[in-house]
Amino acid sequence: MFSEINESGKNNFFKLQAEQLKEDEYWAYDTTSISSYSKAINQMRYGYNKENDTLAQINLAILYGEKSRLPFYYRVLPGNIVDVSTVRRLIKDVQYIGVKKPKLVMDRGFYSKNNIDELMNNKFKFIVGTKSSSKIIKERIEKVKDIKKFTNYIAEYNIYGKKEILMWDDTDKENKKYLYLYVFFDDEKALKEDKDFTEYLIKLKTDIENNVENEKRVEDYRKYFDIKVEKENIIAVAKDDIIEKHMKKYGYFSLISNENLEAREILSIYRQKM
């Protein structure tokens, strides 16, 4: 029966489901992978999955209302498609089914400059988790001062939060683009990251001084240590300046949005997707 439902039929179903959503509701977008031994499914591919299994998989993208928890859109995707590359298709599908005033919430797996640009250009409202590796995000967070003031404390989450105005695109001097970057600091997250990184540094030092090489850690041996040989002994000397720079990032995370709300509100909306 389901094989007889064509693309038009699915889109009609999506449209009817979307009409049941609450007004001004944010929509959470996410993907999951389904692994299988089957050779009969066309879109089975080898790709990344959270379970780290070695089976081929398909990816299932889904969109649902945060308040109603009502799913109203899905898309089966090849298993080798990564999250970040699915957003352009999502935008086209949402526009095709005629949903008005779309408001999306997505985690950092969907973050990229191209995706943010696409969302802005198509007049979508959005809240997206960011990646700390992004240059524009990293540089802006480094400039945030006094985040641990009590006025920034969000009691219900035991987190500090602050809204910053972010220059997103200044290539057009007469029409500069601004967004809001919501920066958060979590003491518990900072403690865990400190513990995990210290344990990782110990592993690196132990590997070096025992002349053992782990493929997963190769790039980090010389990133965080100078390696010396003294009287046939290998000595790992920590690069304290590099390590200290890394440690300054502990505890921080951020959300980017074109919605002008309080940091507490943005965090609450984002966490409803979980």
C-alpha atoms as a PDB file:
ATOM      1  CA  MET A   1       0.000   0.000   0.000  1.00  0.00           C
ATOM      2  CA  PHE A   2       2.716   2.487   1.007  1.00  0.00           C
ATOM      3  CA  SER A   3       4.632   1.860  -2.218  1.00  0.00           C
ATOM      4  CA  GLU A   4       1.650   3.274  -4.138  1.00  0.00           C
ATOM      5  CA  ILE A   5       1.838   6.661  -2.387  1.00  0.00           C
ATOM      6  CA  ASN A   6       3.643   9.045  -4.727  1.00  0.00           C
ATOM      7  CA  GLU A   7       5.533  12.251  -3.913  1.00  0.00           C
ATOM      8  CA  SER A   8       2.442  14.399  -4.399  1.00  0.00           C
ATOM      9  CA  GLY A   9       0.469  12.220  -1.991  1.00  0.00           C
ATOM     10  CA  LYS A  10       3.158  12.491   0.646  1.00  0.00           C
ATOM     11  CA  ASN A  11       3.325  16.259   0.313  1.00  0.00           C
ATOM     12  CA  ASN A  12      -0.453  16.520   0.684  1.00  0.00           C
ATOM     13  CA  PHE A  13      -0.208  14.466   3.863  1.00  0.00           C
ATOM     14  CA  PHE A  14       2.596  16.705   5.172  1.00  0.00           C
ATOM     15  CA  LYS A  15       0.497  19.788   4.449  1.00  0.00           C
ATOM     16  CA  LEU A  16      -2.547  18.411   6.294  1.00  0.00           C
ATOM     17  CA  GLN A  17      -0.383  17.450   9.267  1.00  0.00           C
ATOM     18  CA  ALA A  18       1.230  20.891   9.334  1.00  0.00           C
ATOM     19  CA  GLU A  19      -2.204  22.502   9.582  1.00  0.00           C
ATOM     20  CA  GLN A  20      -2.645  20.775  12.957  1.00  0.00           C
ATOM     21  CA  LEU A  21       0.357  22.554  14.454  1.00  0.00           C
ATOM     22  CA  LYS A  22      -0.081  25.218  17.099  1.00  0.00           C
ATOM     23  CA  GLU A  23       0.294  28.836  16.030  1.00  0.00           C
ATOM     24  CA  ASP A  24       3.816  30.255  16.486  1.00  0.00           C
ATOM     25  CA  GLU A  25       5.137  26.793  17.317  1.00  0.00           C
ATOM     26  CA  TYR A  26       8.796  26.049  16.722  1.00  0.00           C
ATOM     27  CA  TRP A  27       9.586  22.929  14.710  1.00  0.00           C
ATOM     28  CA  ALA A  28      12.407  20.639  15.706  1.00  0.00           C
ATOM     29  CA  TYR A  29      14.360  19.083  12.850  1.00  0.00           C
ATOM     30  CA  ASP A  30      16.522  16.023  13.388  1.00  0.00           C
ATOM     31  CA  THR A  31      17.783  12.878  11.724  1.00  0.00           C
ATOM     32  CA  THR A  32      18.350   9.313  12.808  1.00  0.00           C
ATOM     33  CA  SER A  33      20.034   6.379  11.105  1.00  0.00           C
ATOM     34  CA  ILE A  34      18.567   2.906  10.598  1.00  0.00           C
ATOM     35  CA  SER A  35      21.094   0.136   9.990  1.00  0.00           C
ATOM     36  CA  SER A  36      20.302  -3.043   8.091  1.00  0.00           C
ATOM     37  CA  TYR A  37      21.790  -6.140   6.480  1.00  0.00           C
ATOM     38  CA  SER A  38      19.315  -5.758   3.625  1.00  0.00           C
ATOM     39  CA  LYS A  39      20.591  -5.474   0.050  1.00  0.00           C
ATOM     40  CA  ALA A  40      17.151  -4.616  -1.319  1.00  0.00           C
ATOM     41  CA  ILE A  41      16.875  -1.022  -0.075  1.00  0.00           C
ATOM     42  CA  ASN A  42      18.153   1.382  -2.719  1.00  0.00           C
ATOM     43  CA  GLN A  43      19.290   4.113  -0.348  1.00  0.00           C
ATOM     44  CA  MET A  44      21.369   1.896   1.914  1.00  0.00           C
ATOM     45  CA  ARG A  45      24.861   3.389   2.190  1.00  0.00           C
ATOM     46  CA  TYR A  46      27.798   3.213   4.554  1.00  0.00           C
ATOM     47  CA  GLY A  47      27.988   6.355   6.654  1.00  0.00           C
ATOM     48  CA  TYR A  48      28.401   7.787  10.145  1.00  0.00           C
ATOM     49  CA  ASN A  49      25.994   6.746  12.902  1.00  0.00           C
ATOM     50  CA  LYS A  50      25.902   7.364  16.648  1.00  0.00           C
ATOM     51  CA  GLU A  51      26.065   3.637  17.428  1.00  0.00           C
ATOM     52  CA  ASN A  52      29.336   3.299  15.468  1.00  0.00           C
ATOM     53  CA  ASP A  53      28.231   0.017  13.919  1.00  0.00           C
ATOM     54  CA  THR A  54      29.655  -1.145  10.591  1.00  0.00           C
ATOM     55  CA  LEU A  55      26.383  -1.862   8.772  1.00  0.00           C
ATOM     56  CA  ALA A  56      25.002   0.042   5.807  1.00  0.00           C
ATOM     57  CA  GLN A  57      22.203   2.416   6.753  1.00  0.00           C
ATOM     58  CA  ILE A  58      19.498   4.789   5.627  1.00  0.00           C
ATOM     59  CA  ASN A  59      18.932   8.165   7.258  1.00  0.00           C
ATOM     60  CA  LEU A  60      15.501   9.359   8.305  1.00  0.00           C
ATOM     61  CA  ALA A  61      14.918  13.114   8.630  1.00  0.00           C
ATOM     62  CA  ILE A  62      11.894  14.245  10.626  1.00  0.00           C
ATOM     63  CA  LEU A  63      10.242  17.563  11.490  1.00  0.00           C
ATOM     64  CA  TYR A  64       7.860  17.875  14.438  1.00  0.00           C
ATOM     65  CA  GLY A  65       6.165  20.544  16.541  1.00  0.00           C
ATOM     66  CA  GLU A  66       7.958  21.228  19.813  1.00  0.00           C
ATOM     67  CA  LYS A  67       4.789  21.870  21.823  1.00  0.00           C
ATOM     68  CA  SER A  68       2.407  19.446  20.129  1.00  0.00           C
ATOM     69  CA  ARG A  69       5.153  16.803  19.585  1.00  0.00           C
ATOM     70  CA  LEU A  70       3.287  16.166  16.318  1.00  0.00           C
ATOM     71  CA  PRO A  71       5.506  14.895  13.469  1.00  0.00           C
ATOM     72  CA  PHE A  72       4.415  16.352  10.149  1.00  0.00           C
ATOM     73  CA  TYR A  73       7.279  15.760   7.730  1.00  0.00           C
ATOM     74  CA  TYR A  74       9.792  13.035   7.018  1.00  0.00           C
ATOM     75  CA  ARG A  75      12.295  12.263   4.325  1.00  0.00           C
ATOM     76  CA  VAL A  76      14.235   9.034   3.743  1.00  0.00           C
ATOM     77  CA  LEU A  77      17.802   9.850   2.713  1.00  0.00           C
ATOM     78  CA  PRO A  78      20.831   7.835   1.589  1.00  0.00           C
ATOM     79  CA  GLY A  79      22.905   6.616   4.516  1.00  0.00           C
ATOM     80  CA  ASN A  80      26.014   8.511   3.471  1.00  0.00           C
ATOM     81  CA  ILE A  81      24.307  11.917   3.599  1.00  0.00           C
ATOM     82  CA  VAL A  82      25.539  13.976   6.566  1.00  0.00           C
ATOM     83  CA  ASP A  83      23.185  16.194   8.581  1.00  0.00           C
ATOM     84  CA  VAL A  84      24.621  19.487   7.403  1.00  0.00           C
ATOM     85  CA  SER A  85      23.828  18.738   3.750  1.00  0.00           C
ATOM     86  CA  THR A  86      20.110  18.027   4.320  1.00  0.00           C
ATOM     87  CA  VAL A  87      18.992  21.572   5.152  1.00  0.00           C
ATOM     88  CA  ARG A  88      18.672  22.920   1.604  1.00  0.00           C
ATOM     89  CA  ARG A  89      16.327  20.049   0.712  1.00  0.00           C
ATOM     90  CA  LEU A  90      14.335  20.684   3.903  1.00  0.00           C
ATOM     91  CA  ILE A  91      13.855  24.355   2.986  1.00  0.00           C
ATOM     92  CA  LYS A  92      12.570  23.446  -0.472  1.00  0.00           C
ATOM     93  CA  ASP A  93      10.192  20.824   0.922  1.00  0.00           C
ATOM     94  CA  VAL A  94       8.762  23.160   3.571  1.00  0.00           C
ATOM     95  CA  GLN A  95       8.168  25.824   0.936  1.00  0.00           C
ATOM     96  CA  TYR A  96       6.590  23.293  -1.433  1.00  0.00           C
ATOM     97  CA  ILE A  97       4.032  22.078   1.088  1.00  0.00           C
ATOM     98  CA  GLY A  98       3.070  25.699   1.716  1.00  0.00           C
ATOM     99  CA  VAL A  99       3.878  26.055   5.407  1.00  0.00           C
ATOM    100  CA  LYS A 100       3.695  29.698   6.490  1.00  0.00           C
ATOM    101  CA  LYS A 101       6.111  31.453   8.846  1.00  0.00           C
ATOM    102  CA  PRO A 102       8.456  28.490   9.397  1.00  0.00           C
ATOM    103  CA  LYS A 103      10.431  28.497  12.664  1.00  0.00           C
ATOM    104  CA  LEU A 104      13.115  25.817  12.902  1.00  0.00           C
ATOM    105  CA  VAL A 105      15.216  24.484  15.775  1.00  0.00           C
ATOM    106  CA  MET A 106      18.265  22.388  14.885  1.00  0.00           C
ATOM    107  CA  ASP A 107      21.319  21.097  16.711  1.00  0.00           C
ATOM    108  CA  ARG A 108      24.907  21.895  15.793  1.00  0.00           C
ATOM    109  CA  GLY A 109      25.157  19.004  13.343  1.00  0.00           C
ATOM    110  CA  PHE A 110      23.210  21.187  10.909  1.00  0.00           C
ATOM    111  CA  TYR A 111      25.306  24.302  11.463  1.00  0.00           C
ATOM    112  CA  SER A 112      27.255  25.789   8.560  1.00  0.00           C
ATOM    113  CA  LYS A 113      27.568  29.260   7.102  1.00  0.00           C
ATOM    114  CA  ASN A 114      25.815  28.127   3.916  1.00  0.00           C
ATOM    115  CA  ASN A 115      22.857  26.729   5.872  1.00  0.00           C
ATOM    116  CA  ILE A 116      22.467  29.890   7.952  1.00  0.00           C
ATOM    117  CA  ASP A 117      22.618  31.968   4.758  1.00  0.00           C
ATOM    118  CA  GLU A 118      19.957  29.754   3.126  1.00  0.00           C
ATOM    119  CA  LEU A 119      17.648  30.069   6.132  1.00  0.00           C
ATOM    120  CA  MET A 120      18.053  33.850   6.204  1.00  0.00           C
ATOM    121  CA  ASN A 121      17.603  34.286   2.453  1.00  0.00           C
ATOM    122  CA  ASN A 122      14.390  32.241   2.546  1.00  0.00           C
ATOM    123  CA  LYS A 123      13.054  34.195   5.540  1.00  0.00           C
ATOM    124  CA  PHE A 124      12.939  31.255   7.954  1.00  0.00           C
ATOM    125  CA  LYS A 125      13.090  31.960  11.675  1.00  0.00           C
ATOM    126  CA  PHE A 126      15.646  29.681  13.296  1.00  0.00           C
ATOM    127  CA  ILE A 127      17.586  28.649  16.379  1.00  0.00           C
ATOM    128  CA  VAL A 128      20.651  26.552  15.563  1.00  0.00           C
ATOM    129  CA  GLY A 129      23.377  25.083  17.744  1.00  0.00           C
ATOM    130  CA  THR A 130      26.834  26.263  16.677  1.00  0.00           C
ATOM    131  CA  LYS A 131      30.200  24.571  16.291  1.00  0.00           C
ATOM    132  CA  SER A 132      33.062  25.895  18.402  1.00  0.00           C
ATOM    133  CA  SER A 133      35.414  25.121  15.501  1.00  0.00           C
ATOM    134  CA  SER A 134      33.726  27.827  13.401  1.00  0.00           C
ATOM    135  CA  LYS A 135      36.087  30.811  13.179  1.00  0.00           C
ATOM    136  CA  ILE A 136      33.382  33.485  13.397  1.00  0.00           C
ATOM    137  CA  ILE A 137      31.793  31.780  16.432  1.00  0.00           C
ATOM    138  CA  LYS A 138      35.076  31.072  18.199  1.00  0.00           C
ATOM    139  CA  GLU A 139      36.307  34.654  17.800  1.00  0.00           C
ATOM    140  CA  ARG A 140      33.025  36.103  19.078  1.00  0.00           C
ATOM    141  CA  ILE A 141      32.900  33.850  22.149  1.00  0.00           C
ATOM    142  CA  GLU A 142      36.486  34.823  23.013  1.00  0.00           C
ATOM    143  CA  LYS A 143      35.331  38.458  23.217  1.00  0.00           C
ATOM    144  CA  VAL A 144      32.481  37.751  25.641  1.00  0.00           C
ATOM    145  CA  LYS A 145      33.226  39.296  29.021  1.00  0.00           C
ATOM    146  CA  ASP A 146      31.704  38.887  32.483  1.00  0.00           C
ATOM    147  CA  ILE A 147      29.332  36.088  31.505  1.00  0.00           C
ATOM    148  CA  LYS A 148      29.404  34.782  35.078  1.00  0.00           C
ATOM    149  CA  LYS A 149      27.656  37.832  36.501  1.00  0.00           C
ATOM    150  CA  PHE A 150      24.602  36.973  38.571  1.00  0.00           C
ATOM    151  CA  THR A 151      22.409  38.989  36.182  1.00  0.00           C
ATOM    152  CA  ASN A 152      23.265  36.391  33.512  1.00  0.00           C
ATOM    153  CA  TYR A 153      22.371  33.402  35.709  1.00  0.00           C
ATOM    154  CA  ILE A 154      19.547  31.160  34.457  1.00  0.00           C
ATOM    155  CA  ALA A 155      18.376  29.394  37.612  1.00  0.00           C
ATOM    156  CA  GLU A 156      16.249  26.648  36.045  1.00  0.00           C
ATOM    157  CA  TYR A 157      19.241  25.350  34.093  1.00  0.00           C
ATOM    158  CA  ASN A 158      22.061  26.328  36.494  1.00  0.00           C
ATOM    159  CA  ILE A 159      23.766  28.021  33.551  1.00  0.00           C
ATOM    160  CA  TYR A 160      24.922  31.530  32.692  1.00  0.00           C
ATOM    161  CA  GLY A 161      23.693  33.036  29.423  1.00  0.00           C
ATOM    162  CA  LYS A 162      24.254  36.227  27.483  1.00  0.00           C
ATOM    163  CA  LYS A 163      22.973  37.639  24.191  1.00  0.00           C
ATOM    164  CA  GLU A 164      25.492  39.125  21.769  1.00  0.00           C
ATOM    165  CA  ILE A 165      24.907  40.894  18.454  1.00  0.00           C
ATOM    166  CA  LEU A 166      26.942  39.134  15.771  1.00  0.00           C
ATOM    167  CA  MET A 167      28.046  40.711  12.505  1.00  0.00           C
ATOM    168  CA  TRP A 168      27.277  37.815  10.166  1.00  0.00           C
ATOM    169  CA  ASP A 169      28.001  39.253   6.740  1.00  0.00           C
ATOM    170  CA  ASP A 170      29.511  42.643   5.907  1.00  0.00           C
ATOM    171  CA  THR A 171      30.327  42.034   2.238  1.00  0.00           C
ATOM    172  CA  ASP A 172      27.512  44.401   1.275  1.00  0.00           C
ATOM    173  CA  LYS A 173      28.459  47.604   3.119  1.00  0.00           C
ATOM    174  CA  GLU A 174      24.991  49.103   2.652  1.00  0.00           C
ATOM    175  CA  ASN A 175      23.114  45.992   3.756  1.00  0.00           C
ATOM    176  CA  LYS A 176      25.085  44.325   6.512  1.00  0.00           C
ATOM    177  CA  LYS A 177      23.615  41.188   8.070  1.00  0.00           C
ATOM    178  CA  TYR A 178      23.374  40.786  11.828  1.00  0.00           C
ATOM    179  CA  LEU A 179      22.307  37.818  13.925  1.00  0.00           C
ATOM    180  CA  TYR A 180      22.062  37.092  17.642  1.00  0.00           C
ATOM    181  CA  LEU A 181      24.612  34.799  19.234  1.00  0.00           C
ATOM    182  CA  TYR A 182      23.446  33.415  22.577  1.00  0.00           C
ATOM    183  CA  VAL A 183      26.504  32.395  24.578  1.00  0.00           C
ATOM    184  CA  PHE A 184      26.200  30.086  27.588  1.00  0.00           C
ATOM    185  CA  PHE A 185      28.592  28.933  30.282  1.00  0.00           C
ATOM    186  CA  ASP A 186      27.964  25.715  32.207  1.00  0.00           C
ATOM    187  CA  ASP A 187      30.148  25.014  35.272  1.00  0.00           C
ATOM    188  CA  GLU A 188      29.389  21.280  35.206  1.00  0.00           C
ATOM    189  CA  LYS A 189      30.286  21.086  31.523  1.00  0.00           C
ATOM    190  CA  ALA A 190      33.550  22.912  32.245  1.00  0.00           C
ATOM    191  CA  LEU A 191      34.485  20.463  35.016  1.00  0.00           C
ATOM    192  CA  LYS A 192      33.777  17.447  32.811  1.00  0.00           C
ATOM    193  CA  GLU A 193      35.732  18.882  29.892  1.00  0.00           C
ATOM    194  CA  ASP A 194      38.659  19.639  32.208  1.00  0.00           C
ATOM    195  CA  LYS A 195      38.650  16.075  33.559  1.00  0.00           C
ATOM    196  CA  ASP A 196      38.324  14.498  30.096  1.00  0.00           C
ATOM    197  CA  PHE A 197      41.059  16.635  28.544  1.00  0.00           C
ATOM    198  CA  THR A 198      43.461  16.045  31.439  1.00  0.00           C
ATOM    199  CA  GLU A 199      42.962  12.290  31.051  1.00  0.00           C
ATOM    200  CA  TYR A 200      43.557  12.637  27.311  1.00  0.00           C
ATOM    201  CA  LEU A 201      46.803  14.554  27.879  1.00  0.00           C
ATOM    202  CA  ILE A 202      47.985  11.806  30.241  1.00  0.00           C
ATOM    203  CA  LYS A 203      47.337   9.233  27.494  1.00  0.00           C
ATOM    204  CA  LEU A 204      49.288  11.318  24.979  1.00  0.00           C
ATOM    205  CA  LYS A 205      52.236  11.716  27.365  1.00  0.00           C
ATOM    206  CA  THR A 206      52.217   8.001  28.217  1.00  0.00           C
ATOM    207  CA  ASP A 207      52.156   7.021  24.527  1.00  0.00           C
ATOM    208  CA  ILE A 208      55.058   9.333  23.698  1.00  0.00           C
ATOM    209  CA  GLU A 209      57.292   8.250  26.568  1.00  0.00           C
ATOM    210  CA  ASN A 210      56.607   4.565  25.897  1.00  0.00           C
ATOM    211  CA  ASN A 211      57.221   5.057  22.163  1.00  0.00           C
ATOM    212  CA  VAL A 212      53.694   3.870  21.328  1.00  0.00           C
ATOM    213  CA  GLU A 213      51.683   5.416  18.514  1.00  0.00           C
ATOM    214  CA  ASN A 214      47.880   5.421  18.454  1.00  0.00           C
ATOM    215  CA  GLU A 215      46.501   6.310  15.006  1.00  0.00           C
ATOM    216  CA  LYS A 216      43.588   8.254  16.498  1.00  0.00           C
ATOM    217  CA  ARG A 217      45.947  10.500  18.468  1.00  0.00           C
ATOM    218  CA  VAL A 218      48.820  11.015  16.009  1.00  0.00           C
ATOM    219  CA  GLU A 219      48.103  14.672  15.210  1.00  0.00           C
ATOM    220  CA  ASP A 220      47.829  15.620  18.883  1.00  0.00           C
ATOM    221  CA  TYR A 221      51.185  14.271  20.065  1.00  0.00           C
ATOM    222  CA  ARG A 222      53.130  17.225  18.669  1.00  0.00           C
ATOM    223  CA  LYS A 223      50.217  19.630  18.993  1.00  0.00           C
ATOM    224  CA  TYR A 224      50.322  19.490  22.794  1.00  0.00           C
ATOM    225  CA  PHE A 225      53.875  18.252  23.502  1.00  0.00           C
ATOM    226  CA  ASP A 226      57.465  18.869  22.502  1.00  0.00           C
ATOM    227  CA  ILE A 227      59.241  15.529  22.174  1.00  0.00           C
ATOM    228  CA  LYS A 228      62.858  15.269  23.389  1.00  0.00           C
ATOM    229  CA  VAL A 229      65.329  12.431  23.751  1.00  0.00           C
ATOM    230  CA  GLU A 230      67.716  12.449  26.719  1.00  0.00           C
ATOM    231  CA  LYS A 231      70.061   9.533  27.405  1.00  0.00           C
ATOM    232  CA  GLU A 232      67.905   7.175  25.325  1.00  0.00           C
ATOM    233  CA  ASN A 233      64.779   8.248  27.204  1.00  0.00           C
ATOM    234  CA  ILE A 234      61.885   9.903  25.376  1.00  0.00           C
ATOM    235  CA  ILE A 235      60.500  12.881  27.271  1.00  0.00           C
ATOM    236  CA  ALA A 236      57.201  14.636  26.526  1.00  0.00           C
ATOM    237  CA  VAL A 237      57.266  18.319  27.483  1.00  0.00           C
ATOM    238  CA  ALA A 238      53.840  19.937  27.631  1.00  0.00           C
ATOM    239  CA  LYS A 239      53.181  23.000  25.464  1.00  0.00           C
ATOM    240  CA  ASP A 240      51.498  24.896  28.282  1.00  0.00           C
ATOM    241  CA  ASP A 241      50.522  27.889  26.151  1.00  0.00           C
ATOM    242  CA  ILE A 242      48.657  25.689  23.638  1.00  0.00           C
ATOM    243  CA  ILE A 243      47.023  23.670  26.421  1.00  0.00           C
ATOM    244  CA  GLU A 244      45.971  26.814  28.297  1.00  0.00           C
ATOM    245  CA  LYS A 245      44.402  28.248  25.126  1.00  0.00           C
ATOM    246  CA  HIS A 246      42.375  25.053  24.715  1.00  0.00           C
ATOM    247  CA  MET A 247      41.271  25.128  28.361  1.00  0.00           C
ATOM    248  CA  LYS A 248      39.775  28.612  27.989  1.00  0.00           C
ATOM    249  CA  LYS A 249      36.986  27.064  25.893  1.00  0.00           C
ATOM    250  CA  TYR A 250      35.767  24.837  28.727  1.00  0.00           C
ATOM    251  CA  GLY A 251      32.106  25.141  29.623  1.00  0.00           C
ATOM    252  CA  TYR A 252      30.988  27.309  26.719  1.00  0.00           C
ATOM    253  CA  PHE A 253      28.366  26.584  24.091  1.00  0.00           C
ATOM    254  CA  SER A 254      26.278  28.858  21.903  1.00  0.00           C
ATOM    255  CA  LEU A 255      23.135  29.130  19.794  1.00  0.00           C
ATOM    256  CA  ILE A 256      22.682  31.363  16.760  1.00  0.00           C
ATOM    257  CA  SER A 257      19.337  32.877  15.834  1.00  0.00           C
ATOM    258  CA  ASN A 258      17.533  35.680  14.047  1.00  0.00           C
ATOM    259  CA  GLU A 259      15.056  35.824  16.939  1.00  0.00           C
ATOM    260  CA  ASN A 260      15.564  38.657  19.446  1.00  0.00           C
ATOM    261  CA  LEU A 261      14.689  36.959  22.741  1.00  0.00           C
ATOM    262  CA  GLU A 262      16.177  36.601  26.202  1.00  0.00           C
ATOM    263  CA  ALA A 263      18.944  34.010  26.585  1.00  0.00           C
ATOM    264  CA  ARG A 264      16.701  32.010  28.938  1.00  0.00           C
ATOM    265  CA  GLU A 265      13.884  31.882  26.357  1.00  0.00           C
ATOM    266  CA  ILE A 266      16.180  30.774  23.543  1.00  0.00           C
ATOM    267  CA  LEU A 267      17.713  28.023  25.677  1.00  0.00           C
ATOM    268  CA  SER A 268      14.269  26.825  26.777  1.00  0.00           C
ATOM    269  CA  ILE A 269      13.023  26.606  23.177  1.00  0.00           C
ATOM    270  CA  TYR A 270      16.189  24.806  22.090  1.00  0.00           C
ATOM    271  CA  ARG A 271      16.017  22.251  24.888  1.00  0.00           C
ATOM    272  CA  GLN A 272      12.389  21.414  24.133  1.00  0.00           C
ATOM    273  CA  LYS A 273      13.597  19.606  21.012  1.00  0.00           C
ATOM    274  CA  MET A 274      15.422  17.023  23.119  1.00  0.00           C
END
